[in-house]
Amino acid sequence: MAKNFLKFAWGFGALLILGLAIFYGIQYYQYRQNPQFQAQKQFEELERLYQEDTYGGFTPEETLQLFIEALKTGDVELASKYFIIEDQQEELEKLQKIKDRELLDKFLVDINKLGNKYSLVEGDDDRFIFEAFNERGELILQADVGKGPNGRWKIIDL
C-alpha cells in the first residue's frame, strides 16, 4: 500500500512539474510574441545603435559640413550615415539616385546655401532647422538636424 502511494505521489509530482513547465513555457512564448515586448526590444536595439554610432558632428554645423564633404567626394554611403539611423537606408537610396542621374553637383550647390539657422522649439538647443533660399528669396531646401543620445548631431530630414 505504501509502495503504491509512493508511486502515485512520484507520478503525480512529475505530472505537476511537467504541467507547470508547459504552462510557463506557453506564457513565456506569448510574452515574447507580445507587440509591446517586440516594441521594447526594437527600442533597446535602436538605443544601442545610437550609443555606438560614431557618425555625425558635435555641432549641427559640423554634421552638415561632414555630410557635404562626403557628397563632394561622391561617397553617398558615407553621406547617408549622417542621417538618423532609422532613415539611413532610405536616404542612401535617394542619394544614390541623385548620383546616378549626375545631379550631385547641383544638389551640392543647393546644400551649400544652407544657413539661416533657428531652433525648432524656442529654448530647445537639441534641434535646429537650416534653410536655403534661391536668388528670388524662395525657400528651396530645409535641413532638420537633431542631437542624438550620444551627443552627436544627425540629419533628421532634408
N, C-alpha and C. Protein backbone atom coordinates (compact mmCIF):
# COMPACT_ATOMS: atom_id res chain seq x y z
N MET A 1 0.82 -1.19 0.00
CA MET A 1 0.00 0.00 0.00
C MET A 1 0.87 1.27 0.00
N ALA A 2 1.86 1.31 0.86
CA ALA A 2 2.76 2.46 0.93
C ALA A 2 3.55 2.58 -0.36
N LYS A 3 3.88 1.42 -0.96
CA LYS A 3 4.63 1.42 -2.21
C LYS A 3 3.79 2.03 -3.34
N ASN A 4 2.51 1.67 -3.39
CA ASN A 4 1.61 2.21 -4.41
C ASN A 4 1.40 3.71 -4.21
N PHE A 5 1.28 4.13 -2.96
CA PHE A 5 1.11 5.55 -2.68
C PHE A 5 2.34 6.34 -3.12
N LEU A 6 3.52 5.77 -2.85
CA LEU A 6 4.77 6.42 -3.23
C LEU A 6 4.87 6.55 -4.76
N LYS A 7 4.48 5.50 -5.49
CA LYS A 7 4.48 5.56 -6.96
C LYS A 7 3.49 6.62 -7.44
N PHE A 8 2.33 6.65 -6.81
CA PHE A 8 1.31 7.63 -7.17
C PHE A 8 1.83 9.06 -6.91
N ALA A 9 2.45 9.27 -5.76
CA ALA A 9 2.97 10.60 -5.40
C ALA A 9 4.05 11.04 -6.39
N TRP A 10 4.96 10.13 -6.74
CA TRP A 10 6.01 10.46 -7.70
C TRP A 10 5.41 10.77 -9.07
N GLY A 11 4.47 9.98 -9.49
CA GLY A 11 3.81 10.19 -10.79
C GLY A 11 3.04 11.50 -10.80
N PHE A 12 2.31 11.75 -9.72
CA PHE A 12 1.55 13.00 -9.62
C PHE A 12 2.49 14.20 -9.62
N GLY A 13 3.58 14.10 -8.87
CA GLY A 13 4.57 15.19 -8.80
C GLY A 13 5.21 15.44 -10.16
N ALA A 14 5.54 14.36 -10.88
CA ALA A 14 6.14 14.51 -12.21
C ALA A 14 5.15 15.18 -13.17
N LEU A 15 3.89 14.76 -13.12
CA LEU A 15 2.87 15.37 -13.98
C LEU A 15 2.66 16.84 -13.63
N LEU A 16 2.67 17.14 -12.34
CA LEU A 16 2.50 18.52 -11.89
C LEU A 16 3.66 19.39 -12.40
N ILE A 17 4.88 18.89 -12.27
CA ILE A 17 6.05 19.64 -12.74
C ILE A 17 5.99 19.82 -14.26
N LEU A 18 5.63 18.76 -14.98
CA LEU A 18 5.50 18.84 -16.43
C LEU A 18 4.42 19.85 -16.82
N GLY A 19 3.30 19.81 -16.14
CA GLY A 19 2.21 20.75 -16.42
C GLY A 19 2.62 22.18 -16.18
N LEU A 20 3.32 22.42 -15.06
CA LEU A 20 3.80 23.78 -14.76
C LEU A 20 4.82 24.25 -15.79
N ALA A 21 5.71 23.34 -16.21
CA ALA A 21 6.71 23.69 -17.22
C ALA A 21 6.03 24.07 -18.53
N ILE A 22 5.03 23.31 -18.93
CA ILE A 22 4.30 23.62 -20.16
C ILE A 22 3.57 24.96 -20.02
N PHE A 23 2.91 25.16 -18.88
CA PHE A 23 2.18 26.40 -18.64
C PHE A 23 3.12 27.61 -18.72
N TYR A 24 4.25 27.55 -18.01
CA TYR A 24 5.19 28.68 -18.03
C TYR A 24 5.86 28.83 -19.39
N GLY A 25 6.07 27.73 -20.09
CA GLY A 25 6.63 27.79 -21.44
C GLY A 25 5.69 28.53 -22.38
N ILE A 26 4.40 28.24 -22.29
CA ILE A 26 3.41 28.93 -23.12
C ILE A 26 3.35 30.40 -22.75
N GLN A 27 3.36 30.70 -21.45
CA GLN A 27 3.33 32.09 -21.00
C GLN A 27 4.54 32.86 -21.52
N TYR A 28 5.72 32.23 -21.44
CA TYR A 28 6.95 32.87 -21.91
C TYR A 28 6.88 33.11 -23.41
N TYR A 29 6.40 32.13 -24.17
CA TYR A 29 6.28 32.27 -25.62
C TYR A 29 5.32 33.42 -25.97
N GLN A 30 4.19 33.47 -25.28
CA GLN A 30 3.22 34.54 -25.54
C GLN A 30 3.81 35.91 -25.18
N TYR A 31 4.57 35.97 -24.11
CA TYR A 31 5.21 37.21 -23.70
C TYR A 31 6.19 37.68 -24.78
N ARG A 32 6.98 36.75 -25.33
CA ARG A 32 7.97 37.09 -26.35
C ARG A 32 7.30 37.53 -27.66
N GLN A 33 6.09 37.06 -27.91
CA GLN A 33 5.37 37.42 -29.13
C GLN A 33 4.54 38.68 -28.96
N ASN A 34 4.43 39.16 -27.74
CA ASN A 34 3.63 40.34 -27.43
C ASN A 34 4.18 41.56 -28.18
N PRO A 35 3.33 42.32 -28.86
CA PRO A 35 3.79 43.51 -29.59
C PRO A 35 4.51 44.52 -28.70
N GLN A 36 4.07 44.63 -27.46
CA GLN A 36 4.72 45.56 -26.54
C GLN A 36 6.16 45.11 -26.25
N PHE A 37 6.36 43.80 -26.08
CA PHE A 37 7.70 43.27 -25.86
C PHE A 37 8.56 43.51 -27.10
N GLN A 38 7.99 43.26 -28.28
CA GLN A 38 8.72 43.45 -29.53
C GLN A 38 9.12 44.92 -29.70
N ALA A 39 8.21 45.83 -29.38
CA ALA A 39 8.50 47.26 -29.49
C ALA A 39 9.61 47.66 -28.52
N GLN A 40 9.55 47.13 -27.31
CA GLN A 40 10.59 47.42 -26.32
C GLN A 40 11.94 46.90 -26.80
N LYS A 41 11.94 45.72 -27.37
CA LYS A 41 13.17 45.11 -27.88
C LYS A 41 13.75 45.96 -29.02
N GLN A 42 12.89 46.42 -29.93
CA GLN A 42 13.34 47.27 -31.04
C GLN A 42 13.87 48.60 -30.52
N PHE A 43 13.21 49.16 -29.52
CA PHE A 43 13.66 50.42 -28.94
C PHE A 43 15.04 50.26 -28.31
N GLU A 44 15.24 49.18 -27.58
CA GLU A 44 16.53 48.94 -26.94
C GLU A 44 17.63 48.74 -27.98
N GLU A 45 17.31 48.05 -29.07
CA GLU A 45 18.28 47.85 -30.15
C GLU A 45 18.63 49.18 -30.81
N LEU A 46 17.63 50.01 -31.05
CA LEU A 46 17.87 51.32 -31.65
C LEU A 46 18.70 52.20 -30.72
N GLU A 47 18.40 52.14 -29.44
CA GLU A 47 19.16 52.91 -28.45
C GLU A 47 20.62 52.46 -28.43
N ARG A 48 20.84 51.15 -28.52
CA ARG A 48 22.21 50.61 -28.57
C ARG A 48 22.94 51.11 -29.82
N LEU A 49 22.25 51.08 -30.96
CA LEU A 49 22.85 51.54 -32.21
C LEU A 49 23.24 53.01 -32.12
N TYR A 50 22.39 53.83 -31.51
CA TYR A 50 22.70 55.25 -31.36
C TYR A 50 23.91 55.46 -30.43
N GLN A 51 23.99 54.67 -29.37
CA GLN A 51 25.12 54.82 -28.45
C GLN A 51 26.44 54.45 -29.13
N GLU A 52 26.39 53.47 -30.04
CA GLU A 52 27.60 53.01 -30.72
C GLU A 52 27.91 53.83 -31.97
N ASP A 53 27.00 54.68 -32.40
CA ASP A 53 27.15 55.43 -33.64
C ASP A 53 28.25 56.48 -33.51
N THR A 54 29.17 56.50 -34.46
CA THR A 54 30.27 57.46 -34.43
C THR A 54 30.16 58.50 -35.54
N TYR A 55 29.11 58.42 -36.34
CA TYR A 55 28.93 59.36 -37.44
C TYR A 55 28.12 60.56 -36.98
N GLY A 56 28.55 61.73 -37.42
CA GLY A 56 27.89 62.97 -37.03
C GLY A 56 28.84 63.83 -36.22
N GLY A 57 28.63 65.11 -36.31
CA GLY A 57 29.50 66.04 -35.60
C GLY A 57 28.97 66.33 -34.21
N PHE A 58 29.75 67.13 -33.50
CA PHE A 58 29.34 67.53 -32.15
C PHE A 58 28.60 68.86 -32.16
N THR A 59 28.41 69.41 -33.36
CA THR A 59 27.55 70.58 -33.55
C THR A 59 26.72 70.32 -34.80
N PRO A 60 25.59 70.98 -34.94
CA PRO A 60 24.79 70.77 -36.16
C PRO A 60 25.55 71.21 -37.42
N GLU A 61 26.30 72.29 -37.30
CA GLU A 61 27.08 72.78 -38.45
C GLU A 61 28.14 71.78 -38.87
N GLU A 62 28.78 71.16 -37.89
CA GLU A 62 29.81 70.16 -38.20
C GLU A 62 29.21 68.96 -38.93
N THR A 63 28.04 68.52 -38.50
CA THR A 63 27.38 67.40 -39.17
C THR A 63 27.06 67.74 -40.62
N LEU A 64 26.52 68.92 -40.85
CA LEU A 64 26.22 69.33 -42.23
C LEU A 64 27.49 69.43 -43.06
N GLN A 65 28.57 69.92 -42.45
CA GLN A 65 29.83 70.03 -43.18
C GLN A 65 30.38 68.64 -43.53
N LEU A 66 30.30 67.70 -42.60
CA LEU A 66 30.74 66.32 -42.88
C LEU A 66 29.90 65.70 -43.99
N PHE A 67 28.61 65.96 -43.96
CA PHE A 67 27.69 65.47 -44.99
C PHE A 67 28.08 66.03 -46.36
N ILE A 68 28.33 67.33 -46.42
CA ILE A 68 28.71 67.99 -47.67
C ILE A 68 30.04 67.44 -48.18
N GLU A 69 31.01 67.26 -47.29
CA GLU A 69 32.31 66.73 -47.70
C GLU A 69 32.19 65.33 -48.27
N ALA A 70 31.34 64.50 -47.67
CA ALA A 70 31.13 63.15 -48.19
C ALA A 70 30.51 63.21 -49.59
N LEU A 71 29.56 64.12 -49.79
CA LEU A 71 28.94 64.26 -51.11
C LEU A 71 29.93 64.78 -52.14
N LYS A 72 30.81 65.69 -51.73
CA LYS A 72 31.82 66.23 -52.66
C LYS A 72 32.72 65.13 -53.20
N THR A 73 33.00 64.13 -52.37
CA THR A 73 33.83 63.01 -52.83
C THR A 73 33.01 61.95 -53.54
N GLY A 74 31.69 62.13 -53.58
CA GLY A 74 30.82 61.17 -54.25
C GLY A 74 30.48 59.96 -53.40
N ASP A 75 30.83 60.01 -52.12
CA ASP A 75 30.58 58.87 -51.22
C ASP A 75 29.19 59.00 -50.60
N VAL A 76 28.19 58.54 -51.34
CA VAL A 76 26.81 58.67 -50.86
C VAL A 76 26.54 57.73 -49.68
N GLU A 77 27.28 56.63 -49.61
CA GLU A 77 27.10 55.71 -48.48
C GLU A 77 27.53 56.40 -47.18
N LEU A 78 28.67 57.05 -47.20
CA LEU A 78 29.12 57.79 -46.02
C LEU A 78 28.16 58.94 -45.72
N ALA A 79 27.73 59.65 -46.75
CA ALA A 79 26.80 60.77 -46.55
C ALA A 79 25.51 60.30 -45.89
N SER A 80 25.04 59.12 -46.24
CA SER A 80 23.78 58.61 -45.66
C SER A 80 23.92 58.32 -44.17
N LYS A 81 25.13 58.10 -43.69
CA LYS A 81 25.35 57.78 -42.28
C LYS A 81 25.17 59.00 -41.37
N TYR A 82 25.07 60.19 -41.97
CA TYR A 82 24.84 61.40 -41.18
C TYR A 82 23.35 61.65 -40.94
N PHE A 83 22.50 60.78 -41.50
CA PHE A 83 21.07 60.83 -41.22
C PHE A 83 20.77 59.98 -40.00
N ILE A 84 19.59 60.17 -39.41
CA ILE A 84 19.21 59.34 -38.27
C ILE A 84 19.20 57.88 -38.71
N ILE A 85 19.52 57.00 -37.80
CA ILE A 85 19.71 55.59 -38.11
C ILE A 85 18.50 54.97 -38.80
N GLU A 86 17.30 55.32 -38.36
CA GLU A 86 16.09 54.72 -38.93
C GLU A 86 15.93 55.03 -40.42
N ASP A 87 16.48 56.15 -40.88
CA ASP A 87 16.28 56.59 -42.26
C ASP A 87 17.50 56.38 -43.16
N GLN A 88 18.58 55.83 -42.65
CA GLN A 88 19.82 55.77 -43.42
C GLN A 88 19.68 54.99 -44.73
N GLN A 89 19.00 53.86 -44.71
CA GLN A 89 18.86 53.07 -45.93
C GLN A 89 18.05 53.82 -46.99
N GLU A 90 16.96 54.41 -46.56
CA GLU A 90 16.10 55.18 -47.48
C GLU A 90 16.86 56.37 -48.06
N GLU A 91 17.62 57.07 -47.22
CA GLU A 91 18.39 58.23 -47.68
C GLU A 91 19.52 57.80 -48.61
N LEU A 92 20.12 56.66 -48.34
CA LEU A 92 21.16 56.14 -49.23
C LEU A 92 20.59 55.91 -50.62
N GLU A 93 19.41 55.33 -50.70
CA GLU A 93 18.77 55.08 -51.99
C GLU A 93 18.48 56.40 -52.71
N LYS A 94 18.00 57.40 -51.98
CA LYS A 94 17.73 58.71 -52.59
C LYS A 94 19.02 59.35 -53.11
N LEU A 95 20.05 59.33 -52.28
CA LEU A 95 21.32 59.93 -52.68
C LEU A 95 21.94 59.19 -53.87
N GLN A 96 21.78 57.88 -53.88
CA GLN A 96 22.31 57.08 -54.99
C GLN A 96 21.60 57.45 -56.30
N LYS A 97 20.29 57.68 -56.23
CA LYS A 97 19.55 58.10 -57.43
C LYS A 97 20.04 59.46 -57.92
N ILE A 98 20.28 60.37 -56.98
CA ILE A 98 20.79 61.69 -57.35
C ILE A 98 22.15 61.55 -58.03
N LYS A 99 22.99 60.70 -57.48
CA LYS A 99 24.32 60.47 -58.05
C LYS A 99 24.21 59.80 -59.42
N ASP A 100 23.36 58.80 -59.53
CA ASP A 100 23.20 58.08 -60.81
C ASP A 100 22.70 59.00 -61.92
N ARG A 101 21.88 59.98 -61.57
CA ARG A 101 21.36 60.93 -62.56
C ARG A 101 22.31 62.10 -62.78
N GLU A 102 23.49 62.02 -62.15
CA GLU A 102 24.53 63.04 -62.26
C GLU A 102 24.04 64.42 -61.84
N LEU A 103 23.28 64.44 -60.75
CA LEU A 103 22.75 65.69 -60.21
C LEU A 103 23.41 66.07 -58.88
N LEU A 104 24.47 65.36 -58.53
CA LEU A 104 25.13 65.59 -57.24
C LEU A 104 25.69 67.01 -57.14
N ASP A 105 26.28 67.51 -58.23
CA ASP A 105 26.85 68.87 -58.20
C ASP A 105 25.77 69.92 -57.99
N LYS A 106 24.63 69.76 -58.66
CA LYS A 106 23.51 70.70 -58.48
C LYS A 106 22.98 70.62 -57.05
N PHE A 107 22.88 69.40 -56.53
CA PHE A 107 22.43 69.19 -55.15
C PHE A 107 23.38 69.88 -54.18
N LEU A 108 24.68 69.76 -54.43
CA LEU A 108 25.68 70.39 -53.57
C LEU A 108 25.56 71.92 -53.59
N VAL A 109 25.25 72.48 -54.75
CA VAL A 109 25.07 73.94 -54.84
C VAL A 109 23.96 74.37 -53.90
N ASP A 110 22.84 73.64 -53.91
CA ASP A 110 21.72 73.98 -53.03
C ASP A 110 22.07 73.76 -51.56
N ILE A 111 22.74 72.66 -51.26
CA ILE A 111 23.09 72.36 -49.87
C ILE A 111 24.05 73.40 -49.31
N ASN A 112 24.96 73.88 -50.14
CA ASN A 112 25.92 74.89 -49.68
C ASN A 112 25.25 76.22 -49.36
N LYS A 113 24.02 76.40 -49.78
CA LYS A 113 23.28 77.63 -49.46
C LYS A 113 22.61 77.56 -48.08
N LEU A 114 22.67 76.39 -47.45
CA LEU A 114 22.02 76.24 -46.14
C LEU A 114 22.62 77.23 -45.14
N GLY A 115 21.78 77.94 -44.50
CA GLY A 115 22.17 78.93 -43.49
C GLY A 115 20.94 79.22 -42.67
N ASN A 116 20.75 80.45 -42.27
CA ASN A 116 19.53 80.84 -41.56
C ASN A 116 19.10 79.78 -40.54
N LYS A 117 19.94 79.54 -39.58
CA LYS A 117 19.69 78.52 -38.56
C LYS A 117 18.75 79.07 -37.49
N TYR A 118 17.78 78.26 -37.11
CA TYR A 118 16.92 78.61 -35.97
C TYR A 118 16.49 77.35 -35.25
N SER A 119 16.17 77.51 -33.98
CA SER A 119 15.75 76.39 -33.15
C SER A 119 14.34 75.99 -33.53
N LEU A 120 14.11 74.68 -33.63
CA LEU A 120 12.78 74.18 -33.97
C LEU A 120 11.77 74.55 -32.88
N VAL A 121 12.20 74.42 -31.63
CA VAL A 121 11.37 74.79 -30.49
C VAL A 121 12.16 75.82 -29.69
N GLU A 122 11.55 76.96 -29.44
CA GLU A 122 12.26 78.01 -28.73
C GLU A 122 12.75 77.52 -27.37
N GLY A 123 14.02 77.77 -27.10
CA GLY A 123 14.62 77.35 -25.85
C GLY A 123 15.18 75.94 -25.89
N ASP A 124 14.97 75.22 -26.99
CA ASP A 124 15.47 73.85 -27.13
C ASP A 124 16.73 73.88 -27.99
N ASP A 125 17.84 73.49 -27.41
CA ASP A 125 19.11 73.51 -28.13
C ASP A 125 19.47 72.15 -28.71
N ASP A 126 18.50 71.25 -28.83
CA ASP A 126 18.77 69.91 -29.34
C ASP A 126 18.24 69.67 -30.74
N ARG A 127 17.65 70.69 -31.35
CA ARG A 127 17.10 70.51 -32.70
C ARG A 127 17.06 71.86 -33.40
N PHE A 128 17.64 71.89 -34.60
CA PHE A 128 17.71 73.12 -35.38
C PHE A 128 17.28 72.89 -36.82
N ILE A 129 16.78 73.95 -37.42
CA ILE A 129 16.41 73.96 -38.83
C ILE A 129 17.38 74.90 -39.55
N PHE A 130 17.90 74.44 -40.67
CA PHE A 130 18.71 75.28 -41.55
C PHE A 130 17.92 75.45 -42.85
N GLU A 131 17.93 76.66 -43.39
CA GLU A 131 17.18 76.92 -44.61
C GLU A 131 18.10 77.43 -45.71
N ALA A 132 17.74 77.11 -46.95
CA ALA A 132 18.44 77.62 -48.13
C ALA A 132 17.41 78.30 -49.02
N PHE A 133 17.78 79.47 -49.54
CA PHE A 133 16.88 80.24 -50.40
C PHE A 133 17.54 80.45 -51.76
N ASN A 134 16.71 80.58 -52.79
CA ASN A 134 17.24 80.90 -54.11
C ASN A 134 17.40 82.41 -54.25
N GLU A 135 17.78 82.85 -55.45
CA GLU A 135 18.03 84.28 -55.68
C GLU A 135 16.78 85.13 -55.50
N ARG A 136 15.61 84.53 -55.69
CA ARG A 136 14.35 85.27 -55.54
C ARG A 136 13.85 85.26 -54.09
N GLY A 137 14.62 84.65 -53.21
CA GLY A 137 14.22 84.61 -51.80
C GLY A 137 13.25 83.50 -51.47
N GLU A 138 13.08 82.54 -52.38
CA GLU A 138 12.17 81.42 -52.16
C GLU A 138 12.91 80.27 -51.46
N LEU A 139 12.23 79.65 -50.54
CA LEU A 139 12.81 78.52 -49.82
C LEU A 139 12.98 77.35 -50.78
N ILE A 140 14.22 76.85 -50.90
CA ILE A 140 14.46 75.71 -51.80
C ILE A 140 14.87 74.45 -51.05
N LEU A 141 15.33 74.61 -49.83
CA LEU A 141 15.81 73.44 -49.09
C LEU A 141 15.78 73.73 -47.60
N GLN A 142 15.42 72.71 -46.84
CA GLN A 142 15.42 72.79 -45.38
C GLN A 142 16.12 71.56 -44.83
N ALA A 143 16.96 71.76 -43.84
CA ALA A 143 17.60 70.64 -43.16
C ALA A 143 17.22 70.69 -41.68
N ASP A 144 16.66 69.61 -41.20
CA ASP A 144 16.28 69.46 -39.79
C ASP A 144 17.36 68.60 -39.15
N VAL A 145 18.08 69.17 -38.19
CA VAL A 145 19.20 68.48 -37.56
C VAL A 145 18.95 68.39 -36.06
N GLY A 146 19.14 67.18 -35.51
CA GLY A 146 18.88 66.97 -34.09
C GLY A 146 20.03 66.28 -33.39
N LYS A 147 20.09 66.50 -32.09
CA LYS A 147 21.14 65.92 -31.26
C LYS A 147 20.70 64.54 -30.77
N GLY A 148 21.55 63.55 -30.99
CA GLY A 148 21.24 62.19 -30.58
C GLY A 148 21.60 61.94 -29.13
N PRO A 149 21.23 60.76 -28.61
CA PRO A 149 21.50 60.44 -27.21
C PRO A 149 22.99 60.32 -26.88
N ASN A 150 23.82 60.13 -27.92
CA ASN A 150 25.26 60.03 -27.68
C ASN A 150 25.97 61.37 -27.85
N GLY A 151 25.20 62.44 -28.05
CA GLY A 151 25.78 63.78 -28.18
C GLY A 151 26.14 64.15 -29.60
N ARG A 152 25.99 63.24 -30.54
CA ARG A 152 26.29 63.54 -31.94
C ARG A 152 25.03 64.04 -32.65
N TRP A 153 25.23 64.93 -33.57
CA TRP A 153 24.12 65.52 -34.32
C TRP A 153 23.88 64.72 -35.58
N LYS A 154 22.60 64.53 -35.91
CA LYS A 154 22.19 63.77 -37.09
C LYS A 154 21.19 64.59 -37.89
N ILE A 155 21.15 64.33 -39.20
CA ILE A 155 20.16 64.96 -40.06
C ILE A 155 18.87 64.17 -39.93
N ILE A 156 17.82 64.84 -39.51
CA ILE A 156 16.52 64.19 -39.34
C ILE A 156 15.74 64.21 -40.65
N ASP A 157 15.83 65.35 -41.32
CA ASP A 157 15.11 65.48 -42.59
C ASP A 157 15.83 66.49 -43.45
N LEU A 158 15.79 66.24 -44.76
CA LEU A 158 16.43 67.15 -45.70
C LEU A 158 15.53 67.29 -46.90
